[in-house]
Amino acid sequence: MDALDKLIQLANLSGALDLRCLLSGPLELDHAPAPAGEAVYHVVLDGACTVLRPGHAPLELAAGDIFVLPRGDAHVLSIEARNAGAVRAEVQAKVQADVEKRDNGAVIVKSNCSERDPVVDLLCGRFLYAPRALLVDVLPDVVHVSFSRTSAPYLDPLVQTMRREAEDAQLGAPSIVTALSTALFTMVLRAWLASQPSLAGVLGLLSNRRLGASIIAMLERPAEPWTLEMLAREAAMSRATFMRAFSAHSESSPLALLSHVRMQLASTMLTRTRKSIADVAADVGYQSEAAFSKRFKELYGVAPGRFRQANAIT
C-alpha cells in the first residue's frame, strides 16, 4: 500500500452522485457552502459554464472538465444563453424560473430545457470524508482536471460509465453511480497530481520517493517512539539531509506531521472500533491518555469521548 492510498483510506472517503443537470441559459445556480466533511464536484459532459467564487477570477469550464471544491466552498454556476445577445429580460426571468427536477431511478435530473437543447450537461455530486482528514487538509481550494486530455486516459471511461448509468437507470444503477463517484475522487486526484510541476506540503513529501518512505513508516507504525533520527533512517538519509529535504517541501516539521497522522488514525479508531480511549492512545504512540486527549482536542475541538459519540459509525 502506498502512502496516498493509506491517506485516502484514513479519510473514510465516499462519493455520491446527486444530480444530472441539463440546462439552458441565461441561468445562475447558487451553491451555498457545503457542511463540514463534504467536498462538491461538477463534471461537464457537454457544453460550457462559468464558476464564480467570491474573491476569485471566473473559471471557464468546458466539456471534459472536472471541478472539485475539496472544502465545499460557496460558488455560483453561470450558464450563458445559446444566443445571449438575442435574449430579452423577460425570457431570462422565465428560464430562471422553469428549472424542474425529476427522479429517473438513478439520479435526480434537473432541467429547464423543455424542447430546447441544453447549453450544458453536468453531473453534480459530493465526496464525503472524515473530520480534519489530513489528505483533504493539504489539498488546494480548487482541484481542476480534464478527462478529455490524453494525460488522464483512465478518467474518460469512468465518466462515460457514470453518464450511461445516470441515463439508463438499469437495475442497481444507484449503487453503481455511488461506487463510481467514490472511485472518481482517487482518479481525479491522480490526474491532478500528475499535472503539477511542483508540490508542497504532504503531497510534495509523498512525491519524493525517500521522504515518502518516512511518511509510510509513520502511517504503518504510528505507535513507535519516532525521533528525527529514526525517520531519517526510513528515508535513507542523515538527520541533517532529511531535515533540509523535508523543509524544502513543507512548512511543517516532521514531528508536527507525525502528530497529525496519529490524530487522524486515532479519529478512525474512535469511530470504527470499540477500543477504549486509553487503548487508542497507546495504538498511536501516546503512553499518557491525558496527553493524547489534550492533543486530540487541540486538533478536533472536542475531547475523544465526545468525538466518538458524535461520529461513531453504527
C-alpha atoms as a PDB file:
ATOM      1  CA  MET A   1       0.000   0.000   0.000  1.00  0.00           C
ATOM      2  CA  ASP A   2       1.404   3.446  -0.898  1.00  0.00           C
ATOM      3  CA  ALA A   3       1.082   6.488   1.348  1.00  0.00           C
ATOM      4  CA  LEU A   4      -1.551   8.172  -0.836  1.00  0.00           C
ATOM      5  CA  ASP A   5      -3.727   5.067  -0.735  1.00  0.00           C
ATOM      6  CA  LYS A   6      -3.388   4.959   3.042  1.00  0.00           C
ATOM      7  CA  LEU A   7      -4.373   8.627   3.373  1.00  0.00           C
ATOM      8  CA  ILE A   8      -7.438   8.049   1.185  1.00  0.00           C
ATOM      9  CA  GLN A   9      -8.467   5.129   3.391  1.00  0.00           C
ATOM     10  CA  LEU A  10      -7.926   7.187   6.545  1.00  0.00           C
ATOM     11  CA  ALA A  11     -10.196   9.884   5.119  1.00  0.00           C
ATOM     12  CA  ASN A  12     -13.060   7.320   5.062  1.00  0.00           C
ATOM     13  CA  LEU A  13     -13.926   8.796   1.703  1.00  0.00           C
ATOM     14  CA  SER A  14     -17.142   8.021  -0.137  1.00  0.00           C
ATOM     15  CA  GLY A  15     -18.801   9.589  -3.154  1.00  0.00           C
ATOM     16  CA  ALA A  16     -22.351  10.419  -4.162  1.00  0.00           C
ATOM     17  CA  LEU A  17     -23.788  11.496  -7.499  1.00  0.00           C
ATOM     18  CA  ASP A  18     -26.690  13.820  -6.706  1.00  0.00           C
ATOM     19  CA  LEU A  19     -27.779  15.429  -9.975  1.00  0.00           C
ATOM     20  CA  ARG A  20     -27.730  15.219 -13.741  1.00  0.00           C
ATOM     21  CA  CYS A  21     -28.214  18.807 -14.922  1.00  0.00           C
ATOM     22  CA  LEU A  22     -29.457  19.612 -18.440  1.00  0.00           C
ATOM     23  CA  LEU A  23     -29.634  23.391 -18.518  1.00  0.00           C
ATOM     24  CA  SER A  24     -30.097  26.331 -20.828  1.00  0.00           C
ATOM     25  CA  GLY A  25     -29.233  29.924 -20.040  1.00  0.00           C
ATOM     26  CA  PRO A  26     -29.143  32.587 -19.013  1.00  0.00           C
ATOM     27  CA  LEU A  27     -29.076  30.989 -15.581  1.00  0.00           C
ATOM     28  CA  GLU A  28     -27.122  31.310 -12.359  1.00  0.00           C
ATOM     29  CA  LEU A  29     -27.235  28.479  -9.828  1.00  0.00           C
ATOM     30  CA  ASP A  30     -26.166  29.440  -6.304  1.00  0.00           C
ATOM     31  CA  HIS A  31     -24.429  26.772  -4.227  1.00  0.00           C
ATOM     32  CA  ALA A  32     -24.220  27.537  -0.518  1.00  0.00           C
ATOM     33  CA  PRO A  33     -21.205  26.309   1.475  1.00  0.00           C
ATOM     34  CA  ALA A  34     -21.367  22.544   1.976  1.00  0.00           C
ATOM     35  CA  PRO A  35     -21.437  21.108   5.503  1.00  0.00           C
ATOM     36  CA  ALA A  36     -18.111  20.229   7.108  1.00  0.00           C
ATOM     37  CA  GLY A  37     -16.753  16.985   5.734  1.00  0.00           C
ATOM     38  CA  GLU A  38     -18.208  17.455   2.239  1.00  0.00           C
ATOM     39  CA  ALA A  39     -16.447  18.289  -1.000  1.00  0.00           C
ATOM     40  CA  VAL A  40     -18.511  19.111  -4.082  1.00  0.00           C
ATOM     41  CA  TYR A  41     -17.793  18.282  -7.702  1.00  0.00           C
ATOM     42  CA  HIS A  42     -19.125  19.092 -11.162  1.00  0.00           C
ATOM     43  CA  VAL A  43     -18.361  17.064 -14.292  1.00  0.00           C
ATOM     44  CA  VAL A  44     -19.025  18.846 -17.599  1.00  0.00           C
ATOM     45  CA  LEU A  45     -20.242  16.237 -20.069  1.00  0.00           C
ATOM     46  CA  ASP A  46     -21.199  18.676 -22.846  1.00  0.00           C
ATOM     47  CA  GLY A  47     -21.348  22.435 -23.333  1.00  0.00           C
ATOM     48  CA  ALA A  48     -19.810  25.089 -21.109  1.00  0.00           C
ATOM     49  CA  CYS A  49     -20.403  27.119 -17.968  1.00  0.00           C
ATOM     50  CA  THR A  50     -18.551  29.505 -15.650  1.00  0.00           C
ATOM     51  CA  VAL A  51     -17.731  29.025 -11.975  1.00  0.00           C
ATOM     52  CA  LEU A  52     -17.941  32.206  -9.902  1.00  0.00           C
ATOM     53  CA  ARG A  53     -16.431  32.335  -6.410  1.00  0.00           C
ATOM     54  CA  PRO A  54     -16.216  35.418  -4.174  1.00  0.00           C
ATOM     55  CA  GLY A  55     -12.779  36.984  -4.375  1.00  0.00           C
ATOM     56  CA  HIS A  56     -11.617  34.836  -7.287  1.00  0.00           C
ATOM     57  CA  ALA A  57     -11.458  35.236 -11.048  1.00  0.00           C
ATOM     58  CA  PRO A  58     -14.193  33.426 -13.016  1.00  0.00           C
ATOM     59  CA  LEU A  59     -13.227  29.937 -14.159  1.00  0.00           C
ATOM     60  CA  GLU A  60     -14.483  28.770 -17.533  1.00  0.00           C
ATOM     61  CA  LEU A  61     -15.416  25.093 -17.730  1.00  0.00           C
ATOM     62  CA  ALA A  62     -15.908  23.182 -20.974  1.00  0.00           C
ATOM     63  CA  ALA A  63     -16.804  19.632 -21.982  1.00  0.00           C
ATOM     64  CA  GLY A  64     -14.309  17.269 -20.401  1.00  0.00           C
ATOM     65  CA  ASP A  65     -13.628  19.344 -17.283  1.00  0.00           C
ATOM     66  CA  ILE A  66     -13.996  18.115 -13.697  1.00  0.00           C
ATOM     67  CA  PHE A  67     -14.124  20.773 -10.999  1.00  0.00           C
ATOM     68  CA  VAL A  68     -13.780  19.881  -7.304  1.00  0.00           C
ATOM     69  CA  LEU A  69     -14.038  22.130  -4.246  1.00  0.00           C
ATOM     70  CA  PRO A  70     -12.423  19.981  -1.515  1.00  0.00           C
ATOM     71  CA  ARG A  71     -13.895  22.072   1.296  1.00  0.00           C
ATOM     72  CA  GLY A  72     -17.249  22.681  -0.382  1.00  0.00           C
ATOM     73  CA  ASP A  73     -16.865  26.464  -0.716  1.00  0.00           C
ATOM     74  CA  ALA A  74     -19.820  28.590  -1.836  1.00  0.00           C
ATOM     75  CA  HIS A  75     -19.946  29.147  -5.581  1.00  0.00           C
ATOM     76  CA  VAL A  76     -22.220  30.014  -8.487  1.00  0.00           C
ATOM     77  CA  LEU A  77     -22.553  28.165 -11.786  1.00  0.00           C
ATOM     78  CA  SER A  78     -23.282  30.687 -14.520  1.00  0.00           C
ATOM     79  CA  ILE A  79     -24.733  29.471 -17.804  1.00  0.00           C
ATOM     80  CA  GLU A  80     -24.989  31.751 -20.806  1.00  0.00           C
ATOM     81  CA  ALA A  81     -27.822  31.689 -23.341  1.00  0.00           C
ATOM     82  CA  ARG A  82     -27.089  29.936 -26.607  1.00  0.00           C
ATOM     83  CA  ASN A  83     -27.557  33.300 -28.312  1.00  0.00           C
ATOM     84  CA  ALA A  84     -27.003  35.713 -25.436  1.00  0.00           C
ATOM     85  CA  GLY A  85     -27.443  38.867 -27.490  1.00  0.00           C
ATOM     86  CA  ALA A  86     -30.933  37.883 -28.571  1.00  0.00           C
ATOM     87  CA  VAL A  87     -32.312  37.025 -25.144  1.00  0.00           C
ATOM     88  CA  ARG A  88     -34.592  39.620 -23.631  1.00  0.00           C
ATOM     89  CA  ALA A  89     -35.044  40.290 -19.919  1.00  0.00           C
ATOM     90  CA  GLU A  90     -38.434  38.616 -19.621  1.00  0.00           C
ATOM     91  CA  VAL A  91     -37.129  35.473 -21.288  1.00  0.00           C
ATOM     92  CA  GLN A  92     -34.192  35.420 -18.853  1.00  0.00           C
ATOM     93  CA  ALA A  93     -36.574  35.510 -15.904  1.00  0.00           C
ATOM     94  CA  LYS A  94     -38.694  32.716 -17.390  1.00  0.00           C
ATOM     95  CA  VAL A  95     -35.668  30.458 -17.987  1.00  0.00           C
ATOM     96  CA  GLN A  96     -34.543  31.005 -14.390  1.00  0.00           C
ATOM     97  CA  ALA A  97     -37.996  30.072 -13.055  1.00  0.00           C
ATOM     98  CA  ASP A  98     -38.560  26.928 -15.138  1.00  0.00           C
ATOM     99  CA  VAL A  99     -35.962  24.606 -13.613  1.00  0.00           C
ATOM    100  CA  GLU A 100     -37.663  21.309 -12.801  1.00  0.00           C
ATOM    101  CA  LYS A 101     -36.489  18.168 -11.036  1.00  0.00           C
ATOM    102  CA  ARG A 102     -37.439  14.554 -11.610  1.00  0.00           C
ATOM    103  CA  ASP A 103     -36.097  11.238 -10.344  1.00  0.00           C
ATOM    104  CA  ASN A 104     -35.153   8.948 -13.241  1.00  0.00           C
ATOM    105  CA  GLY A 105     -34.471   5.976 -10.970  1.00  0.00           C
ATOM    106  CA  ALA A 106     -30.721   6.520 -10.780  1.00  0.00           C
ATOM    107  CA  VAL A 107     -30.284  10.235 -10.040  1.00  0.00           C
ATOM    108  CA  ILE A 108     -32.305  13.431  -9.839  1.00  0.00           C
ATOM    109  CA  VAL A 109     -32.449  15.116 -13.252  1.00  0.00           C
ATOM    110  CA  LYS A 110     -32.592  18.911 -13.122  1.00  0.00           C
ATOM    111  CA  SER A 111     -33.590  20.683 -16.332  1.00  0.00           C
ATOM    112  CA  ASN A 112     -35.123  23.849 -17.736  1.00  0.00           C
ATOM    113  CA  CYS A 113     -34.785  22.894 -21.385  1.00  0.00           C
ATOM    114  CA  SER A 114     -38.241  21.577 -22.259  1.00  0.00           C
ATOM    115  CA  GLU A 115     -37.907  21.068 -26.023  1.00  0.00           C
ATOM    116  CA  ARG A 116     -34.682  23.085 -26.321  1.00  0.00           C
ATOM    117  CA  ASP A 117     -31.201  21.608 -26.495  1.00  0.00           C
ATOM    118  CA  PRO A 118     -29.254  22.189 -23.272  1.00  0.00           C
ATOM    119  CA  VAL A 119     -26.340  24.609 -23.211  1.00  0.00           C
ATOM    120  CA  VAL A 120     -24.605  22.466 -20.602  1.00  0.00           C
ATOM    121  CA  ASP A 121     -24.877  18.851 -19.432  1.00  0.00           C
ATOM    122  CA  LEU A 122     -23.455  18.264 -15.941  1.00  0.00           C
ATOM    123  CA  LEU A 123     -23.027  15.533 -13.369  1.00  0.00           C
ATOM    124  CA  CYS A 124     -23.001  17.063  -9.872  1.00  0.00           C
ATOM    125  CA  GLY A 125     -22.174  15.306  -6.650  1.00  0.00           C
ATOM    126  CA  ARG A 126     -20.297  15.158  -3.338  1.00  0.00           C
ATOM    127  CA  PHE A 127     -17.335  13.491  -1.728  1.00  0.00           C
ATOM    128  CA  LEU A 128     -17.789  12.794   1.990  1.00  0.00           C
ATOM    129  CA  TYR A 129     -14.756  12.492   4.261  1.00  0.00           C
ATOM    130  CA  ALA A 130     -13.801  12.171   7.927  1.00  0.00           C
ATOM    131  CA  PRO A 131     -13.401  15.359  10.023  1.00  0.00           C
ATOM    132  CA  ARG A 132      -9.998  17.014   9.589  1.00  0.00           C
ATOM    133  CA  ALA A 133      -8.883  14.386   7.081  1.00  0.00           C
ATOM    134  CA  LEU A 134      -5.186  15.006   6.515  1.00  0.00           C
ATOM    135  CA  LEU A 135      -5.427  14.400   2.779  1.00  0.00           C
ATOM    136  CA  VAL A 136      -8.200  16.978   2.322  1.00  0.00           C
ATOM    137  CA  ASP A 137      -6.476  19.474   4.625  1.00  0.00           C
ATOM    138  CA  VAL A 138      -3.464  19.587   2.289  1.00  0.00           C
ATOM    139  CA  LEU A 139      -5.411  19.958  -0.959  1.00  0.00           C
ATOM    140  CA  PRO A 140      -5.861  23.398  -2.550  1.00  0.00           C
ATOM    141  CA  ASP A 141      -9.234  25.158  -2.574  1.00  0.00           C
ATOM    142  CA  VAL A 142      -9.855  24.024  -6.167  1.00  0.00           C
ATOM    143  CA  VAL A 143      -8.874  20.834  -7.983  1.00  0.00           C
ATOM    144  CA  HIS A 144      -9.494  21.149 -11.727  1.00  0.00           C
ATOM    145  CA  VAL A 145      -8.685  18.444 -14.296  1.00  0.00           C
ATOM    146  CA  SER A 146      -9.867  17.388 -17.744  1.00  0.00           C
ATOM    147  CA  PHE A 147     -10.855  13.853 -18.697  1.00  0.00           C
ATOM    148  CA  SER A 148     -10.572  14.703 -22.403  1.00  0.00           C
ATOM    149  CA  ARG A 149      -6.781  15.031 -22.255  1.00  0.00           C
ATOM    150  CA  THR A 150      -4.502  12.138 -23.073  1.00  0.00           C
ATOM    151  CA  SER A 151      -2.598  12.710 -19.803  1.00  0.00           C
ATOM    152  CA  ALA A 152      -5.502  11.107 -17.915  1.00  0.00           C
ATOM    153  CA  PRO A 153      -6.929   8.489 -20.317  1.00  0.00           C
ATOM    154  CA  TYR A 154      -8.378   6.465 -17.432  1.00  0.00           C
ATOM    155  CA  LEU A 155     -10.846   9.215 -16.496  1.00  0.00           C
ATOM    156  CA  ASP A 156     -12.908   9.205 -19.695  1.00  0.00           C
ATOM    157  CA  PRO A 157     -14.150   5.578 -19.451  1.00  0.00           C
ATOM    158  CA  LEU A 158     -15.136   6.138 -15.810  1.00  0.00           C
ATOM    159  CA  VAL A 159     -17.050   9.328 -16.594  1.00  0.00           C
ATOM    160  CA  GLN A 160     -18.781   7.780 -19.610  1.00  0.00           C
ATOM    161  CA  THR A 161     -19.888   4.821 -17.457  1.00  0.00           C
ATOM    162  CA  MET A 162     -21.265   7.242 -14.850  1.00  0.00           C
ATOM    163  CA  ARG A 163     -23.102   9.077 -17.636  1.00  0.00           C
ATOM    164  CA  ARG A 164     -24.591   5.879 -19.036  1.00  0.00           C
ATOM    165  CA  GLU A 165     -25.728   4.618 -15.625  1.00  0.00           C
ATOM    166  CA  ALA A 166     -27.246   8.022 -14.812  1.00  0.00           C
ATOM    167  CA  GLU A 167     -29.171   7.953 -18.093  1.00  0.00           C
ATOM    168  CA  ASP A 168     -30.353   4.354 -18.326  1.00  0.00           C
ATOM    169  CA  ALA A 169     -31.343   3.753 -14.675  1.00  0.00           C
ATOM    170  CA  GLN A 170     -30.997  -0.002 -15.050  1.00  0.00           C
ATOM    171  CA  LEU A 171     -31.105  -2.405 -12.118  1.00  0.00           C
ATOM    172  CA  GLY A 172     -28.586  -1.420  -9.460  1.00  0.00           C
ATOM    173  CA  ALA A 173     -27.808   1.936 -11.095  1.00  0.00           C
ATOM    174  CA  PRO A 174     -27.897   3.979  -7.827  1.00  0.00           C
ATOM    175  CA  SER A 175     -25.340   1.663  -6.216  1.00  0.00           C
ATOM    176  CA  ILE A 176     -23.159   1.733  -9.312  1.00  0.00           C
ATOM    177  CA  VAL A 177     -23.074   5.518  -9.634  1.00  0.00           C
ATOM    178  CA  THR A 178     -22.257   5.783  -5.916  1.00  0.00           C
ATOM    179  CA  ALA A 179     -19.337   3.368  -6.252  1.00  0.00           C
ATOM    180  CA  LEU A 180     -18.098   5.138  -9.379  1.00  0.00           C
ATOM    181  CA  SER A 181     -18.297   8.510  -7.626  1.00  0.00           C
ATOM    182  CA  THR A 182     -16.050   7.168  -4.881  1.00  0.00           C
ATOM    183  CA  ALA A 183     -13.534   5.938  -7.462  1.00  0.00           C
ATOM    184  CA  LEU A 184     -13.749   9.295  -9.228  1.00  0.00           C
ATOM    185  CA  PHE A 185     -12.079  11.078  -6.304  1.00  0.00           C
ATOM    186  CA  THR A 186      -8.943   8.948  -6.451  1.00  0.00           C
ATOM    187  CA  MET A 187      -8.692   9.158 -10.230  1.00  0.00           C
ATOM    188  CA  VAL A 188      -9.187  12.931 -10.225  1.00  0.00           C
ATOM    189  CA  LEU A 189      -6.543  13.276  -7.538  1.00  0.00           C
ATOM    190  CA  ARG A 190      -4.143  11.084  -9.518  1.00  0.00           C
ATOM    191  CA  ALA A 191      -4.670  13.183 -12.657  1.00  0.00           C
ATOM    192  CA  TRP A 192      -4.252  16.434 -10.724  1.00  0.00           C
ATOM    193  CA  LEU A 193      -1.050  15.270  -9.029  1.00  0.00           C
ATOM    194  CA  ALA A 194       0.402  14.245 -12.399  1.00  0.00           C
ATOM    195  CA  SER A 195      -0.273  17.721 -13.809  1.00  0.00           C
ATOM    196  CA  GLN A 196       1.518  19.638 -11.054  1.00  0.00           C
ATOM    197  CA  PRO A 197       5.065  20.810 -11.899  1.00  0.00           C
ATOM    198  CA  SER A 198       5.872  21.049  -8.190  1.00  0.00           C
ATOM    199  CA  LEU A 199       4.062  20.163  -4.999  1.00  0.00           C
ATOM    200  CA  ALA A 200       4.341  21.457  -1.456  1.00  0.00           C
ATOM    201  CA  GLY A 201       3.362  20.100   1.923  1.00  0.00           C
ATOM    202  CA  VAL A 202       2.410  16.479   2.437  1.00  0.00           C
ATOM    203  CA  LEU A 203       1.740  15.991  -1.280  1.00  0.00           C
ATOM    204  CA  GLY A 204       5.250  17.178  -2.090  1.00  0.00           C
ATOM    205  CA  LEU A 205       6.672  14.825   0.512  1.00  0.00           C
ATOM    206  CA  LEU A 206       4.733  11.912  -0.969  1.00  0.00           C
ATOM    207  CA  SER A 207       6.039  12.690  -4.444  1.00  0.00           C
ATOM    208  CA  ASN A 208       9.620  12.267  -3.173  1.00  0.00           C
ATOM    209  CA  ARG A 209      10.474   8.568  -3.012  1.00  0.00           C
ATOM    210  CA  ARG A 210      12.744   8.816   0.054  1.00  0.00           C
ATOM    211  CA  LEU A 211      10.667  11.269   2.043  1.00  0.00           C
ATOM    212  CA  GLY A 212       7.533   9.352   1.137  1.00  0.00           C
ATOM    213  CA  ALA A 213       9.080   6.270   2.729  1.00  0.00           C
ATOM    214  CA  SER A 214       9.251   8.073   6.076  1.00  0.00           C
ATOM    215  CA  ILE A 215       5.560   9.020   5.853  1.00  0.00           C
ATOM    216  CA  ILE A 216       4.585   5.445   5.008  1.00  0.00           C
ATOM    217  CA  ALA A 217       6.519   4.356   8.108  1.00  0.00           C
ATOM    218  CA  MET A 218       4.560   6.867  10.235  1.00  0.00           C
ATOM    219  CA  LEU A 219       1.270   5.606   8.834  1.00  0.00           C
ATOM    220  CA  GLU A 220       2.076   1.934   9.210  1.00  0.00           C
ATOM    221  CA  ARG A 221       3.762   2.100  12.638  1.00  0.00           C
ATOM    222  CA  PRO A 222       2.321   5.119  14.492  1.00  0.00           C
ATOM    223  CA  ALA A 223       2.970   3.626  17.953  1.00  0.00           C
ATOM    224  CA  GLU A 224       6.735   3.632  17.518  1.00  0.00           C
ATOM    225  CA  PRO A 225       8.570   6.284  19.584  1.00  0.00           C
ATOM    226  CA  TRP A 226       9.615   8.129  16.451  1.00  0.00           C
ATOM    227  CA  THR A 227      12.534  10.560  16.551  1.00  0.00           C
ATOM    228  CA  LEU A 228      14.024  12.627  13.759  1.00  0.00           C
ATOM    229  CA  GLU A 229      16.930  10.195  13.563  1.00  0.00           C
ATOM    230  CA  MET A 230      14.565   7.235  13.153  1.00  0.00           C
ATOM    231  CA  LEU A 231      12.526   8.979  10.443  1.00  0.00           C
ATOM    232  CA  ALA A 232      15.735   9.972   8.629  1.00  0.00           C
ATOM    233  CA  ARG A 233      16.817   6.319   8.588  1.00  0.00           C
ATOM    234  CA  GLU A 234      13.499   5.362   6.982  1.00  0.00           C
ATOM    235  CA  ALA A 235      14.314   7.885   4.246  1.00  0.00           C
ATOM    236  CA  ALA A 236      17.881   6.554   3.939  1.00  0.00           C
ATOM    237  CA  MET A 237      19.254   9.999   4.798  1.00  0.00           C
ATOM    238  CA  SER A 238      21.300  11.597   7.507  1.00  0.00           C
ATOM    239  CA  ARG A 239      19.334  13.637  10.036  1.00  0.00           C
ATOM    240  CA  ALA A 240      20.629  16.920   8.591  1.00  0.00           C
ATOM    241  CA  THR A 241      19.904  15.927   4.978  1.00  0.00           C
ATOM    242  CA  PHE A 242      16.450  14.665   5.954  1.00  0.00           C
ATOM    243  CA  MET A 243      15.581  17.948   7.667  1.00  0.00           C
ATOM    244  CA  ARG A 244      16.783  20.019   4.699  1.00  0.00           C
ATOM    245  CA  ALA A 245      14.816  17.901   2.238  1.00  0.00           C
ATOM    246  CA  PHE A 246      11.712  17.903   4.437  1.00  0.00           C
ATOM    247  CA  SER A 247      11.848  21.686   4.919  1.00  0.00           C
ATOM    248  CA  ALA A 248      12.111  22.189   1.157  1.00  0.00           C
ATOM    249  CA  HIS A 249       8.679  20.580   0.736  1.00  0.00           C
ATOM    250  CA  SER A 250       6.810  21.518   3.898  1.00  0.00           C
ATOM    251  CA  GLU A 251       6.497  24.382   6.352  1.00  0.00           C
ATOM    252  CA  SER A 252       5.513  21.842   8.992  1.00  0.00           C
ATOM    253  CA  SER A 253       8.098  19.846  10.928  1.00  0.00           C
ATOM    254  CA  PRO A 254       8.313  16.032  10.682  1.00  0.00           C
ATOM    255  CA  LEU A 255       7.151  15.630  14.272  1.00  0.00           C
ATOM    256  CA  ALA A 256       4.198  18.001  13.744  1.00  0.00           C
ATOM    257  CA  LEU A 257       3.184  15.918  10.731  1.00  0.00           C
ATOM    258  CA  LEU A 258       3.579  12.765  12.828  1.00  0.00           C
ATOM    259  CA  SER A 259       1.215  14.236  15.423  1.00  0.00           C
ATOM    260  CA  HIS A 260      -1.390  14.975  12.739  1.00  0.00           C
ATOM    261  CA  VAL A 261      -1.043  11.470  11.308  1.00  0.00           C
ATOM    262  CA  ARG A 262      -1.516   9.961  14.769  1.00  0.00           C
ATOM    263  CA  MET A 263      -4.643  12.020  15.417  1.00  0.00           C
ATOM    264  CA  GLN A 264      -6.104  11.048  12.031  1.00  0.00           C
ATOM    265  CA  LEU A 265      -5.517   7.383  12.817  1.00  0.00           C
ATOM    266  CA  ALA A 266      -6.994   7.869  16.290  1.00  0.00           C
ATOM    267  CA  SER A 267     -10.135   9.507  14.913  1.00  0.00           C
ATOM    268  CA  THR A 268     -10.688   6.486  12.661  1.00  0.00           C
ATOM    269  CA  MET A 269     -10.254   4.071  15.565  1.00  0.00           C
ATOM    270  CA  LEU A 270     -12.611   6.075  17.758  1.00  0.00           C
ATOM    271  CA  THR A 271     -15.397   5.963  15.175  1.00  0.00           C
ATOM    272  CA  ARG A 272     -14.874   2.448  13.807  1.00  0.00           C
ATOM    273  CA  THR A 273     -13.834   0.358  16.824  1.00  0.00           C
ATOM    274  CA  ARG A 274     -14.881  -0.164  20.436  1.00  0.00           C
ATOM    275  CA  LYS A 275     -11.369   0.249  21.795  1.00  0.00           C
ATOM    276  CA  SER A 276     -11.048   2.287  24.968  1.00  0.00           C
ATOM    277  CA  ILE A 277      -9.591   5.762  24.677  1.00  0.00           C
ATOM    278  CA  ALA A 278      -6.527   4.561  26.597  1.00  0.00           C
ATOM    279  CA  ASP A 279      -6.002   1.756  24.065  1.00  0.00           C
ATOM    280  CA  VAL A 280      -6.466   4.117  21.127  1.00  0.00           C
ATOM    281  CA  ALA A 281      -3.915   6.474  22.671  1.00  0.00           C
ATOM    282  CA  ALA A 282      -1.404   3.635  23.053  1.00  0.00           C
ATOM    283  CA  ASP A 283      -2.015   2.413  19.498  1.00  0.00           C
ATOM    284  CA  VAL A 284      -0.991   5.809  18.098  1.00  0.00           C
ATOM    285  CA  GLY A 285       2.052   6.281  20.284  1.00  0.00           C
ATOM    286  CA  TYR A 286       0.797   8.020  23.438  1.00  0.00           C
ATOM    287  CA  GLN A 287       1.645   6.494  26.799  1.00  0.00           C
ATOM    288  CA  SER A 288      -0.496   9.086  28.582  1.00  0.00           C
ATOM    289  CA  GLU A 289      -4.244   9.206  27.922  1.00  0.00           C
ATOM    290  CA  ALA A 290      -4.288  12.780  29.257  1.00  0.00           C
ATOM    291  CA  ALA A 291      -1.607  13.920  26.797  1.00  0.00           C
ATOM    292  CA  PHE A 292      -3.427  12.188  23.954  1.00  0.00           C
ATOM    293  CA  SER A 293      -6.773  13.756  24.879  1.00  0.00           C
ATOM    294  CA  LYS A 294      -5.216  17.215  25.092  1.00  0.00           C
ATOM    295  CA  ARG A 295      -3.647  16.959  21.631  1.00  0.00           C
ATOM    296  CA  PHE A 296      -6.820  15.450  20.144  1.00  0.00           C
ATOM    297  CA  LYS A 297      -8.939  18.317  21.465  1.00  0.00           C
ATOM    298  CA  GLU A 298      -6.451  20.858  20.068  1.00  0.00           C
ATOM    299  CA  LEU A 299      -6.949  19.441  16.579  1.00  0.00           C
ATOM    300  CA  TYR A 300     -10.626  18.440  16.587  1.00  0.00           C
ATOM    301  CA  GLY A 301     -12.046  20.921  19.083  1.00  0.00           C
ATOM    302  CA  VAL A 302     -13.671  18.240  21.260  1.00  0.00           C
ATOM    303  CA  ALA A 303     -12.464  15.524  23.608  1.00  0.00           C
ATOM    304  CA  PRO A 304     -12.060  11.993  22.178  1.00  0.00           C
ATOM    305  CA  GLY A 305     -15.134  10.672  24.007  1.00  0.00           C
ATOM    306  CA  ARG A 306     -17.361  13.452  22.689  1.00  0.00           C
ATOM    307  CA  PHE A 307     -15.921  12.975  19.195  1.00  0.00           C
ATOM    308  CA  ARG A 308     -16.766   9.263  19.343  1.00  0.00           C
ATOM    309  CA  GLN A 309     -20.348   9.969  20.404  1.00  0.00           C
ATOM    310  CA  ALA A 310     -20.869  12.469  17.574  1.00  0.00           C
ATOM    311  CA  ASN A 311     -19.200  10.482  14.771  1.00  0.00           C
ATOM    312  CA  ALA A 312     -19.471   6.779  15.631  1.00  0.00           C
ATOM    313  CA  ILE A 313     -20.472   4.579  12.719  1.00  0.00           C
ATOM    314  CA  THR A 314     -23.227   2.237  13.863  1.00  0.00           C
END
